[in-house]
Amino acid sequence: MRLFLLAVTCILLVSCSDAVNKPKNLLDSDLMSEMIADFAINEQLGLMNQDGNMEISSKYILKKHNVKGKDFSDSYAYYLSKPRKLQRILTKAQKIIKEKDPDAADY
């Protein structure tokens, strides 16, 4: 959920800035939602397991979705400049998290 709050904050900051050019390898919104959900779950697991290596688990998520880190970050920056699209992506990511862990709906 912290990732969600960070994204919302970034939306507010970026909403007044110039638009970002569409990246050549833009990830579609469904894939972005899935990856953001995985990163959010990963972050929560990292908080519970302080001995875990966040870098390795982040690389695992990128490899799982067959996405390069630069493509993800470029796509994320692009969607940050499109608040409505990003809101739909984040809402879907929340839904994915709740489907994976129904108890998450209580928080």
PDB file of N, CA and C in Angstrom:
ATOM      1  N   MET A   1       0.811  -1.190   0.000  1.00  0.00           N
ATOM      2  CA  MET A   1       0.000   0.000   0.000  1.00  0.00           C
ATOM      3  C   MET A   1       0.865   1.268   0.000  1.00  0.00           C
ATOM      4  N   ARG A   2       2.067   1.156   0.562  1.00  0.00           N
ATOM      5  CA  ARG A   2       2.968   2.295   0.566  1.00  0.00           C
ATOM      6  C   ARG A   2       3.324   2.690  -0.864  1.00  0.00           C
ATOM      7  N   LEU A   3       3.476   1.693  -1.720  1.00  0.00           N
ATOM      8  CA  LEU A   3       3.771   1.953  -3.131  1.00  0.00           C
ATOM      9  C   LEU A   3       2.618   2.728  -3.773  1.00  0.00           C
ATOM     10  N   PHE A   4       1.395   2.366  -3.390  1.00  0.00           N
ATOM     11  CA  PHE A   4       0.226   3.056  -3.914  1.00  0.00           C
ATOM     12  C   PHE A   4       0.246   4.524  -3.491  1.00  0.00           C
ATOM     13  N   LEU A   5       0.550   4.781  -2.232  1.00  0.00           N
ATOM     14  CA  LEU A   5       0.602   6.165  -1.750  1.00  0.00           C
ATOM     15  C   LEU A   5       1.721   6.949  -2.430  1.00  0.00           C
ATOM     16  N   LEU A   6       2.852   6.297  -2.653  1.00  0.00           N
ATOM     17  CA  LEU A   6       3.953   6.941  -3.357  1.00  0.00           C
ATOM     18  C   LEU A   6       3.538   7.298  -4.775  1.00  0.00           C
ATOM     19  N   ALA A   7       2.844   6.391  -5.426  1.00  0.00           N
ATOM     20  CA  ALA A   7       2.404   6.650  -6.798  1.00  0.00           C
ATOM     21  C   ALA A   7       1.419   7.815  -6.859  1.00  0.00           C
ATOM     22  N   VAL A   8       0.512   7.862  -5.897  1.00  0.00           N
ATOM     23  CA  VAL A   8      -0.460   8.964  -5.869  1.00  0.00           C
ATOM     24  C   VAL A   8       0.254  10.288  -5.647  1.00  0.00           C
ATOM     25  N   THR A   9       1.241  10.305  -4.774  1.00  0.00           N
ATOM     26  CA  THR A   9       2.023  11.512  -4.531  1.00  0.00           C
ATOM     27  C   THR A   9       2.740  11.946  -5.805  1.00  0.00           C
ATOM     28  N   CYS A  10       3.321  10.985  -6.493  1.00  0.00           N
ATOM     29  CA  CYS A  10       4.005  11.297  -7.747  1.00  0.00           C
ATOM     30  C   CYS A  10       3.040  11.851  -8.786  1.00  0.00           C
ATOM     31  N   ILE A  11       1.836  11.328  -8.795  1.00  0.00           N
ATOM     32  CA  ILE A  11       0.824  11.840  -9.729  1.00  0.00           C
ATOM     33  C   ILE A  11       0.590  13.323  -9.479  1.00  0.00           C
ATOM     34  N   LEU A  12       0.447  13.661  -8.226  1.00  0.00           N
ATOM     35  CA  LEU A  12       0.195  15.066  -7.890  1.00  0.00           C
ATOM     36  C   LEU A  12       1.363  15.962  -8.298  1.00  0.00           C
ATOM     37  N   LEU A  13       2.571  15.466  -8.109  1.00  0.00           N
ATOM     38  CA  LEU A  13       3.749  16.254  -8.459  1.00  0.00           C
ATOM     39  C   LEU A  13       3.925  16.392  -9.962  1.00  0.00           C
ATOM     40  N   VAL A  14       3.621  15.341 -10.684  1.00  0.00           N
ATOM     41  CA  VAL A  14       3.859  15.320 -12.121  1.00  0.00           C
ATOM     42  C   VAL A  14       2.715  15.944 -12.918  1.00  0.00           C
ATOM     43  N   SER A  15       1.552  16.034 -12.313  1.00  0.00           N
ATOM     44  CA  SER A  15       0.390  16.488 -13.067  1.00  0.00           C
ATOM     45  C   SER A  15       0.555  17.882 -13.661  1.00  0.00           C
ATOM     46  N   CYS A  16       1.426  18.695 -13.097  1.00  0.00           N
ATOM     47  CA  CYS A  16       1.625  20.052 -13.611  1.00  0.00           C
ATOM     48  C   CYS A  16       2.842  20.150 -14.528  1.00  0.00           C
ATOM     49  N   SER A  17       3.556  19.062 -14.731  1.00  0.00           N
ATOM     50  CA  SER A  17       4.775  19.128 -15.534  1.00  0.00           C
ATOM     51  C   SER A  17       4.470  18.788 -16.993  1.00  0.00           C
ATOM     52  N   ASP A  18       5.505  18.952 -17.832  1.00  0.00           N
ATOM     53  CA  ASP A  18       5.361  18.624 -19.249  1.00  0.00           C
ATOM     54  C   ASP A  18       5.111  17.136 -19.428  1.00  0.00           C
ATOM     55  N   ALA A  19       4.430  16.816 -20.495  1.00  0.00           N
ATOM     56  CA  ALA A  19       4.138  15.417 -20.800  1.00  0.00           C
ATOM     57  C   ALA A  19       5.422  14.675 -21.170  1.00  0.00           C
ATOM     58  N   VAL A  20       5.455  13.411 -20.828  1.00  0.00           N
ATOM     59  CA  VAL A  20       6.583  12.548 -21.150  1.00  0.00           C
ATOM     60  C   VAL A  20       6.292  11.880 -22.483  1.00  0.00           C
ATOM     61  N   ASN A  21       7.293  11.803 -23.322  1.00  0.00           N
ATOM     62  CA  ASN A  21       7.117  11.131 -24.619  1.00  0.00           C
ATOM     63  C   ASN A  21       6.835   9.651 -24.410  1.00  0.00           C
ATOM     64  N   LYS A  22       6.009   9.101 -25.273  1.00  0.00           N
ATOM     65  CA  LYS A  22       5.664   7.689 -25.199  1.00  0.00           C
ATOM     66  C   LYS A  22       6.912   6.866 -25.505  1.00  0.00           C
ATOM     67  N   PRO A  23       7.302   5.978 -24.582  1.00  0.00           N
ATOM     68  CA  PRO A  23       8.505   5.171 -24.821  1.00  0.00           C
ATOM     69  C   PRO A  23       8.303   4.169 -25.956  1.00  0.00           C
ATOM     70  N   LYS A  24       9.406   3.822 -26.571  1.00  0.00           N
ATOM     71  CA  LYS A  24       9.369   2.887 -27.697  1.00  0.00           C
ATOM     72  C   LYS A  24       8.840   1.524 -27.252  1.00  0.00           C
ATOM     73  N   ASN A  25       9.219   1.077 -26.076  1.00  0.00           N
ATOM     74  CA  ASN A  25       8.812  -0.235 -25.567  1.00  0.00           C
ATOM     75  C   ASN A  25       7.809  -0.081 -24.424  1.00  0.00           C
ATOM     76  N   LEU A  26       6.766   0.698 -24.652  1.00  0.00           N
ATOM     77  CA  LEU A  26       5.760   0.939 -23.618  1.00  0.00           C
ATOM     78  C   LEU A  26       5.067  -0.371 -23.244  1.00  0.00           C
ATOM     79  N   LEU A  27       5.019  -0.643 -21.937  1.00  0.00           N
ATOM     80  CA  LEU A  27       4.320  -1.827 -21.448  1.00  0.00           C
ATOM     81  C   LEU A  27       2.829  -1.521 -21.383  1.00  0.00           C
ATOM     82  N   ASP A  28       2.003  -2.481 -21.754  1.00  0.00           N
ATOM     83  CA  ASP A  28       0.562  -2.224 -21.709  1.00  0.00           C
ATOM     84  C   ASP A  28       0.077  -2.127 -20.260  1.00  0.00           C
ATOM     85  N   SER A  29      -1.072  -1.534 -20.094  1.00  0.00           N
ATOM     86  CA  SER A  29      -1.563  -1.224 -18.753  1.00  0.00           C
ATOM     87  C   SER A  29      -1.840  -2.478 -17.920  1.00  0.00           C
ATOM     88  N   ASP A  30      -2.271  -3.563 -18.545  1.00  0.00           N
ATOM     89  CA  ASP A  30      -2.523  -4.801 -17.795  1.00  0.00           C
ATOM     90  C   ASP A  30      -1.228  -5.360 -17.208  1.00  0.00           C
ATOM     91  N   LEU A  31      -0.172  -5.367 -18.006  1.00  0.00           N
ATOM     92  CA  LEU A  31       1.117  -5.845 -17.521  1.00  0.00           C
ATOM     93  C   LEU A  31       1.654  -4.935 -16.424  1.00  0.00           C
ATOM     94  N   MET A  32       1.496  -3.637 -16.595  1.00  0.00           N
ATOM     95  CA  MET A  32       1.930  -2.691 -15.555  1.00  0.00           C
ATOM     96  C   MET A  32       1.195  -2.969 -14.248  1.00  0.00           C
ATOM     97  N   SER A  33      -0.097  -3.224 -14.313  1.00  0.00           N
ATOM     98  CA  SER A  33      -0.877  -3.523 -13.108  1.00  0.00           C
ATOM     99  C   SER A  33      -0.352  -4.779 -12.417  1.00  0.00           C
ATOM    100  N   GLU A  34      -0.106  -5.814 -13.201  1.00  0.00           N
ATOM    101  CA  GLU A  34       0.407  -7.057 -12.637  1.00  0.00           C
ATOM    102  C   GLU A  34       1.764  -6.844 -11.968  1.00  0.00           C
ATOM    103  N   MET A  35       2.633  -6.108 -12.634  1.00  0.00           N
ATOM    104  CA  MET A  35       3.974  -5.892 -12.089  1.00  0.00           C
ATOM    105  C   MET A  35       3.930  -5.011 -10.848  1.00  0.00           C
ATOM    106  N   ILE A  36       3.122  -3.973 -10.862  1.00  0.00           N
ATOM    107  CA  ILE A  36       3.014  -3.102  -9.687  1.00  0.00           C
ATOM    108  C   ILE A  36       2.465  -3.890  -8.506  1.00  0.00           C
ATOM    109  N   ALA A  37       1.499  -4.764  -8.751  1.00  0.00           N
ATOM    110  CA  ALA A  37       0.976  -5.619  -7.677  1.00  0.00           C
ATOM    111  C   ALA A  37       2.084  -6.513  -7.134  1.00  0.00           C
ATOM    112  N   ASP A  38       2.866  -7.128  -8.013  1.00  0.00           N
ATOM    113  CA  ASP A  38       3.976  -7.980  -7.573  1.00  0.00           C
ATOM    114  C   ASP A  38       5.012  -7.180  -6.781  1.00  0.00           C
ATOM    115  N   PHE A  39       5.334  -5.981  -7.249  1.00  0.00           N
ATOM    116  CA  PHE A  39       6.304  -5.152  -6.519  1.00  0.00           C
ATOM    117  C   PHE A  39       5.761  -4.746  -5.146  1.00  0.00           C
ATOM    118  N   ALA A  40       4.478  -4.453  -5.046  1.00  0.00           N
ATOM    119  CA  ALA A  40       3.880  -4.067  -3.763  1.00  0.00           C
ATOM    120  C   ALA A  40       3.910  -5.245  -2.787  1.00  0.00           C
ATOM    121  N   ILE A  41       3.568  -6.427  -3.277  1.00  0.00           N
ATOM    122  CA  ILE A  41       3.624  -7.627  -2.426  1.00  0.00           C
ATOM    123  C   ILE A  41       5.060  -7.886  -2.008  1.00  0.00           C
ATOM    124  N   ASN A  42       5.982  -7.727  -2.941  1.00  0.00           N
ATOM    125  CA  ASN A  42       7.403  -7.921  -2.653  1.00  0.00           C
ATOM    126  C   ASN A  42       7.875  -6.959  -1.570  1.00  0.00           C
ATOM    127  N   GLU A  43       7.436  -5.715  -1.651  1.00  0.00           N
ATOM    128  CA  GLU A  43       7.827  -4.719  -0.657  1.00  0.00           C
ATOM    129  C   GLU A  43       7.325  -5.108   0.731  1.00  0.00           C
ATOM    130  N   GLN A  44       6.088  -5.573   0.812  1.00  0.00           N
ATOM    131  CA  GLN A  44       5.534  -5.986   2.097  1.00  0.00           C
ATOM    132  C   GLN A  44       6.281  -7.190   2.659  1.00  0.00           C
ATOM    133  N   LEU A  45       6.631  -8.133   1.795  1.00  0.00           N
ATOM    134  CA  LEU A  45       7.412  -9.285   2.240  1.00  0.00           C
ATOM    135  C   LEU A  45       8.787  -8.842   2.736  1.00  0.00           C
ATOM    136  N   GLY A  46       9.353  -7.850   2.077  1.00  0.00           N
ATOM    137  CA  GLY A  46      10.653  -7.330   2.488  1.00  0.00           C
ATOM    138  C   GLY A  46      10.598  -6.694   3.865  1.00  0.00           C
ATOM    139  N   LEU A  47       9.479  -6.079   4.201  1.00  0.00           N
ATOM    140  CA  LEU A  47       9.322  -5.491   5.531  1.00  0.00           C
ATOM    141  C   LEU A  47       9.236  -6.567   6.610  1.00  0.00           C
ATOM    142  N   MET A  48       8.643  -7.704   6.254  1.00  0.00           N
ATOM    143  CA  MET A  48       8.520  -8.800   7.222  1.00  0.00           C
ATOM    144  C   MET A  48       9.821  -9.592   7.338  1.00  0.00           C
ATOM    145  N   ASN A  49      10.579  -9.686   6.250  1.00  0.00           N
ATOM    146  CA  ASN A  49      11.814 -10.453   6.241  1.00  0.00           C
ATOM    147  C   ASN A  49      12.976  -9.496   5.963  1.00  0.00           C
ATOM    148  N   GLN A  50      13.540  -8.955   7.008  1.00  0.00           N
ATOM    149  CA  GLN A  50      14.621  -7.981   6.869  1.00  0.00           C
ATOM    150  C   GLN A  50      15.888  -8.582   6.255  1.00  0.00           C
ATOM    151  N   ASP A  51      16.010  -9.906   6.296  1.00  0.00           N
ATOM    152  CA  ASP A  51      17.191 -10.563   5.727  1.00  0.00           C
ATOM    153  C   ASP A  51      17.066 -10.781   4.220  1.00  0.00           C
ATOM    154  N   GLY A  52      15.881 -10.553   3.663  1.00  0.00           N
ATOM    155  CA  GLY A  52      15.655 -10.766   2.240  1.00  0.00           C
ATOM    156  C   GLY A  52      16.384  -9.729   1.397  1.00  0.00           C
ATOM    157  N   ASN A  53      16.677 -10.086   0.174  1.00  0.00           N
ATOM    158  CA  ASN A  53      17.375  -9.202  -0.743  1.00  0.00           C
ATOM    159  C   ASN A  53      16.368  -8.638  -1.744  1.00  0.00           C
ATOM    160  N   MET A  54      16.033  -7.370  -1.593  1.00  0.00           N
ATOM    161  CA  MET A  54      15.031  -6.736  -2.439  1.00  0.00           C
ATOM    162  C   MET A  54      15.481  -6.669  -3.894  1.00  0.00           C
ATOM    163  N   GLU A  55      16.765  -6.503  -4.116  1.00  0.00           N
ATOM    164  CA  GLU A  55      17.265  -6.411  -5.487  1.00  0.00           C
ATOM    165  C   GLU A  55      17.046  -7.727  -6.234  1.00  0.00           C
ATOM    166  N   ILE A  56      17.341  -8.824  -5.575  1.00  0.00           N
ATOM    167  CA  ILE A  56      17.161 -10.131  -6.208  1.00  0.00           C
ATOM    168  C   ILE A  56      15.685 -10.387  -6.489  1.00  0.00           C
ATOM    169  N   SER A  57      14.834 -10.061  -5.524  1.00  0.00           N
ATOM    170  CA  SER A  57      13.406 -10.306  -5.737  1.00  0.00           C
ATOM    171  C   SER A  57      12.838  -9.376  -6.810  1.00  0.00           C
ATOM    172  N   SER A  58      13.351  -8.162  -6.924  1.00  0.00           N
ATOM    173  CA  SER A  58      12.905  -7.254  -7.987  1.00  0.00           C
ATOM    174  C   SER A  58      13.337  -7.787  -9.351  1.00  0.00           C
ATOM    175  N   LYS A  59      14.551  -8.296  -9.429  1.00  0.00           N
ATOM    176  CA  LYS A  59      15.020  -8.897 -10.683  1.00  0.00           C
ATOM    177  C   LYS A  59      14.171 -10.109 -11.047  1.00  0.00           C
ATOM    178  N   TYR A  60      13.751 -10.866 -10.031  1.00  0.00           N
ATOM    179  CA  TYR A  60      12.896 -12.024 -10.273  1.00  0.00           C
ATOM    180  C   TYR A  60      11.561 -11.594 -10.898  1.00  0.00           C
ATOM    181  N   ILE A  61      10.979 -10.516 -10.374  1.00  0.00           N
ATOM    182  CA  ILE A  61       9.702 -10.027 -10.908  1.00  0.00           C
ATOM    183  C   ILE A  61       9.869  -9.590 -12.359  1.00  0.00           C
ATOM    184  N   LEU A  62      10.948  -8.879 -12.655  1.00  0.00           N
ATOM    185  CA  LEU A  62      11.203  -8.457 -14.042  1.00  0.00           C
ATOM    186  C   LEU A  62      11.362  -9.669 -14.959  1.00  0.00           C
ATOM    187  N   LYS A  63      12.114 -10.668 -14.483  1.00  0.00           N
ATOM    188  CA  LYS A  63      12.333 -11.866 -15.290  1.00  0.00           C
ATOM    189  C   LYS A  63      11.033 -12.655 -15.450  1.00  0.00           C
ATOM    190  N   LYS A  64      10.244 -12.735 -14.393  1.00  0.00           N
ATOM    191  CA  LYS A  64       8.962 -13.450 -14.431  1.00  0.00           C
ATOM    192  C   LYS A  64       8.051 -12.891 -15.525  1.00  0.00           C
ATOM    193  N   HIS A  65       8.070 -11.576 -15.687  1.00  0.00           N
ATOM    194  CA  HIS A  65       7.222 -10.932 -16.687  1.00  0.00           C
ATOM    195  C   HIS A  65       7.959 -10.681 -18.001  1.00  0.00           C
ATOM    196  N   ASN A  66       9.227 -11.120 -18.063  1.00  0.00           N
ATOM    197  CA  ASN A  66      10.047 -10.964 -19.262  1.00  0.00           C
ATOM    198  C   ASN A  66      10.130  -9.489 -19.698  1.00  0.00           C
ATOM    199  N   VAL A  67      10.479  -8.637 -18.737  1.00  0.00           N
ATOM    200  CA  VAL A  67      10.544  -7.188 -18.965  1.00  0.00           C
ATOM    201  C   VAL A  67      11.907  -6.679 -18.502  1.00  0.00           C
ATOM    202  N   LYS A  68      12.477  -5.781 -19.268  1.00  0.00           N
ATOM    203  CA  LYS A  68      13.729  -5.131 -18.875  1.00  0.00           C
ATOM    204  C   LYS A  68      13.414  -4.011 -17.889  1.00  0.00           C
ATOM    205  N   GLY A  69      14.327  -3.804 -16.950  1.00  0.00           N
ATOM    206  CA  GLY A  69      14.129  -2.765 -15.944  1.00  0.00           C
ATOM    207  C   GLY A  69      13.919  -1.390 -16.555  1.00  0.00           C
ATOM    208  N   LYS A  70      14.661  -1.075 -17.592  1.00  0.00           N
ATOM    209  CA  LYS A  70      14.524   0.225 -18.251  1.00  0.00           C
ATOM    210  C   LYS A  70      13.150   0.377 -18.884  1.00  0.00           C
ATOM    211  N   ASP A  71      12.648  -0.694 -19.496  1.00  0.00           N
ATOM    212  CA  ASP A  71      11.316  -0.635 -20.103  1.00  0.00           C
ATOM    213  C   ASP A  71      10.250  -0.376 -19.040  1.00  0.00           C
ATOM    214  N   PHE A  72      10.406  -1.027 -17.870  1.00  0.00           N
ATOM    215  CA  PHE A  72       9.438  -0.798 -16.794  1.00  0.00           C
ATOM    216  C   PHE A  72       9.521   0.641 -16.293  1.00  0.00           C
ATOM    217  N   SER A  73      10.726   1.126 -16.029  1.00  0.00           N
ATOM    218  CA  SER A  73      10.863   2.478 -15.487  1.00  0.00           C
ATOM    219  C   SER A  73      10.430   3.543 -16.505  1.00  0.00           C
ATOM    220  N   ASP A  74      10.738   3.333 -17.788  1.00  0.00           N
ATOM    221  CA  ASP A  74      10.289   4.278 -18.823  1.00  0.00           C
ATOM    222  C   ASP A  74       8.758   4.282 -18.926  1.00  0.00           C
ATOM    223  N   SER A  75       8.170   3.094 -18.870  1.00  0.00           N
ATOM    224  CA  SER A  75       6.710   2.990 -18.945  1.00  0.00           C
ATOM    225  C   SER A  75       6.069   3.623 -17.715  1.00  0.00           C
ATOM    226  N   TYR A  76       6.655   3.394 -16.550  1.00  0.00           N
ATOM    227  CA  TYR A  76       6.113   3.964 -15.313  1.00  0.00           C
ATOM    228  C   TYR A  76       6.176   5.487 -15.369  1.00  0.00           C
ATOM    229  N   ALA A  77       7.292   6.027 -15.853  1.00  0.00           N
ATOM    230  CA  ALA A  77       7.421   7.482 -15.981  1.00  0.00           C
ATOM    231  C   ALA A  77       6.376   8.028 -16.950  1.00  0.00           C
ATOM    232  N   TYR A  78       6.133   7.309 -18.026  1.00  0.00           N
ATOM    233  CA  TYR A  78       5.126   7.742 -19.000  1.00  0.00           C
ATOM    234  C   TYR A  78       3.739   7.749 -18.352  1.00  0.00           C
ATOM    235  N   TYR A  79       3.397   6.665 -17.666  1.00  0.00           N
ATOM    236  CA  TYR A  79       2.075   6.596 -17.046  1.00  0.00           C
ATOM    237  C   TYR A  79       1.924   7.616 -15.917  1.00  0.00           C
ATOM    238  N   LEU A  80       3.025   7.993 -15.274  1.00  0.00           N
ATOM    239  CA  LEU A  80       2.952   9.047 -14.248  1.00  0.00           C
ATOM    240  C   LEU A  80       2.487  10.367 -14.853  1.00  0.00           C
ATOM    241  N   SER A  81       2.799  10.573 -16.113  1.00  0.00           N
ATOM    242  CA  SER A  81       2.373  11.809 -16.777  1.00  0.00           C
ATOM    243  C   SER A  81       0.939  11.719 -17.310  1.00  0.00           C
ATOM    244  N   LYS A  82       0.322  10.566 -17.153  1.00  0.00           N
ATOM    245  CA  LYS A  82      -1.061  10.329 -17.584  1.00  0.00           C
ATOM    246  C   LYS A  82      -1.874   9.888 -16.364  1.00  0.00           C
ATOM    247  N   PRO A  83      -2.288  10.827 -15.524  1.00  0.00           N
ATOM    248  CA  PRO A  83      -2.927  10.477 -14.245  1.00  0.00           C
ATOM    249  C   PRO A  83      -4.135   9.545 -14.355  1.00  0.00           C
ATOM    250  N   ARG A  84      -4.976   9.735 -15.349  1.00  0.00           N
ATOM    251  CA  ARG A  84      -6.161   8.869 -15.475  1.00  0.00           C
ATOM    252  C   ARG A  84      -5.769   7.430 -15.794  1.00  0.00           C
ATOM    253  N   LYS A  85      -4.816   7.283 -16.701  1.00  0.00           N
ATOM    254  CA  LYS A  85      -4.352   5.934 -17.048  1.00  0.00           C
ATOM    255  C   LYS A  85      -3.680   5.283 -15.837  1.00  0.00           C
ATOM    256  N   LEU A  86      -2.850   6.065 -15.144  1.00  0.00           N
ATOM    257  CA  LEU A  86      -2.157   5.514 -13.986  1.00  0.00           C
ATOM    258  C   LEU A  86      -3.144   5.124 -12.894  1.00  0.00           C
ATOM    259  N   GLN A  87      -4.171   5.911 -12.694  1.00  0.00           N
ATOM    260  CA  GLN A  87      -5.171   5.577 -11.685  1.00  0.00           C
ATOM    261  C   GLN A  87      -5.848   4.249 -12.002  1.00  0.00           C
ATOM    262  N   ARG A  88      -6.163   4.012 -13.280  1.00  0.00           N
ATOM    263  CA  ARG A  88      -6.757   2.733 -13.675  1.00  0.00           C
ATOM    264  C   ARG A  88      -5.778   1.579 -13.433  1.00  0.00           C
ATOM    265  N   ILE A  89      -4.499   1.818 -13.738  1.00  0.00           N
ATOM    266  CA  ILE A  89      -3.472   0.792 -13.515  1.00  0.00           C
ATOM    267  C   ILE A  89      -3.367   0.462 -12.034  1.00  0.00           C
ATOM    268  N   LEU A  90      -3.325   1.484 -11.192  1.00  0.00           N
ATOM    269  CA  LEU A  90      -3.179   1.266  -9.752  1.00  0.00           C
ATOM    270  C   LEU A  90      -4.425   0.621  -9.154  1.00  0.00           C
ATOM    271  N   THR A  91      -5.588   0.994  -9.641  1.00  0.00           N
ATOM    272  CA  THR A  91      -6.825   0.373  -9.163  1.00  0.00           C
ATOM    273  C   THR A  91      -6.843  -1.113  -9.506  1.00  0.00           C
ATOM    274  N   LYS A  92      -6.409  -1.430 -10.721  1.00  0.00           N
ATOM    275  CA  LYS A  92      -6.345  -2.837 -11.119  1.00  0.00           C
ATOM    276  C   LYS A  92      -5.285  -3.583 -10.309  1.00  0.00           C
ATOM    277  N   ALA A  93      -4.161  -2.922 -10.015  1.00  0.00           N
ATOM    278  CA  ALA A  93      -3.118  -3.547  -9.193  1.00  0.00           C
ATOM    279  C   ALA A  93      -3.669  -3.865  -7.800  1.00  0.00           C
ATOM    280  N   GLN A  94      -4.441  -2.953  -7.232  1.00  0.00           N
ATOM    281  CA  GLN A  94      -5.067  -3.209  -5.936  1.00  0.00           C
ATOM    282  C   GLN A  94      -5.998  -4.408  -6.009  1.00  0.00           C
ATOM    283  N   LYS A  95      -6.772  -4.500  -7.080  1.00  0.00           N
ATOM    284  CA  LYS A  95      -7.687  -5.616  -7.268  1.00  0.00           C
ATOM    285  C   LYS A  95      -6.912  -6.934  -7.342  1.00  0.00           C
ATOM    286  N   ILE A  96      -5.796  -6.926  -8.054  1.00  0.00           N
ATOM    287  CA  ILE A  96      -4.951  -8.125  -8.167  1.00  0.00           C
ATOM    288  C   ILE A  96      -4.440  -8.544  -6.795  1.00  0.00           C
ATOM    289  N   ILE A  97      -3.987  -7.568  -6.010  1.00  0.00           N
ATOM    290  CA  ILE A  97      -3.483  -7.871  -4.664  1.00  0.00           C
ATOM    291  C   ILE A  97      -4.591  -8.483  -3.820  1.00  0.00           C
ATOM    292  N   LYS A  98      -5.785  -7.907  -3.891  1.00  0.00           N
ATOM    293  CA  LYS A  98      -6.915  -8.425  -3.107  1.00  0.00           C
ATOM    294  C   LYS A  98      -7.323  -9.821  -3.561  1.00  0.00           C
ATOM    295  N   GLU A  99      -7.186 -10.119  -4.847  1.00  0.00           N
ATOM    296  CA  GLU A  99      -7.492 -11.462  -5.346  1.00  0.00           C
ATOM    297  C   GLU A  99      -6.467 -12.472  -4.845  1.00  0.00           C
ATOM    298  N   LYS A 100      -5.203 -12.052  -4.783  1.00  0.00           N
ATOM    299  CA  LYS A 100      -4.154 -12.952  -4.308  1.00  0.00           C
ATOM    300  C   LYS A 100      -4.233 -13.155  -2.798  1.00  0.00           C
ATOM    301  N   ASP A 101      -4.672 -12.116  -2.079  1.00  0.00           N
ATOM    302  CA  ASP A 101      -4.781 -12.188  -0.626  1.00  0.00           C
ATOM    303  C   ASP A 101      -6.069 -11.500  -0.193  1.00  0.00           C
ATOM    304  N   PRO A 102      -7.166 -12.253  -0.081  1.00  0.00           N
ATOM    305  CA  PRO A 102      -8.439 -11.661   0.272  1.00  0.00           C
ATOM    306  C   PRO A 102      -8.414 -10.878   1.590  1.00  0.00           C
ATOM    307  N   ASP A 103      -7.510 -11.259   2.505  1.00  0.00           N
ATOM    308  CA  ASP A 103      -7.405 -10.532   3.776  1.00  0.00           C
ATOM    309  C   ASP A 103      -6.888  -9.107   3.571  1.00  0.00           C
ATOM    310  N   ALA A 104      -6.239  -8.844   2.444  1.00  0.00           N
ATOM    311  CA  ALA A 104      -5.716  -7.505   2.163  1.00  0.00           C
ATOM    312  C   ALA A 104      -6.834  -6.499   2.006  1.00  0.00           C
ATOM    313  N   ALA A 105      -8.028  -6.952   1.689  1.00  0.00           N
ATOM    314  CA  ALA A 105      -9.171  -6.044   1.530  1.00  0.00           C
ATOM    315  C   ALA A 105      -9.541  -5.377   2.842  1.00  0.00           C
ATOM    316  N   ASP A 106      -9.137  -5.992   3.966  1.00  0.00           N
ATOM    317  CA  ASP A 106      -9.446  -5.423   5.284  1.00  0.00           C
ATOM    318  C   ASP A 106      -8.558  -4.251   5.652  1.00  0.00           C
ATOM    319  N   TYR A 107      -7.495  -4.020   4.869  1.00  0.00           N
ATOM    320  CA  TYR A 107      -6.529  -2.975   5.228  1.00  0.00           C
ATOM    321  C   TYR A 107      -6.649  -1.772   4.355  1.00  0.00           C
TER     322      TYR A 107
END
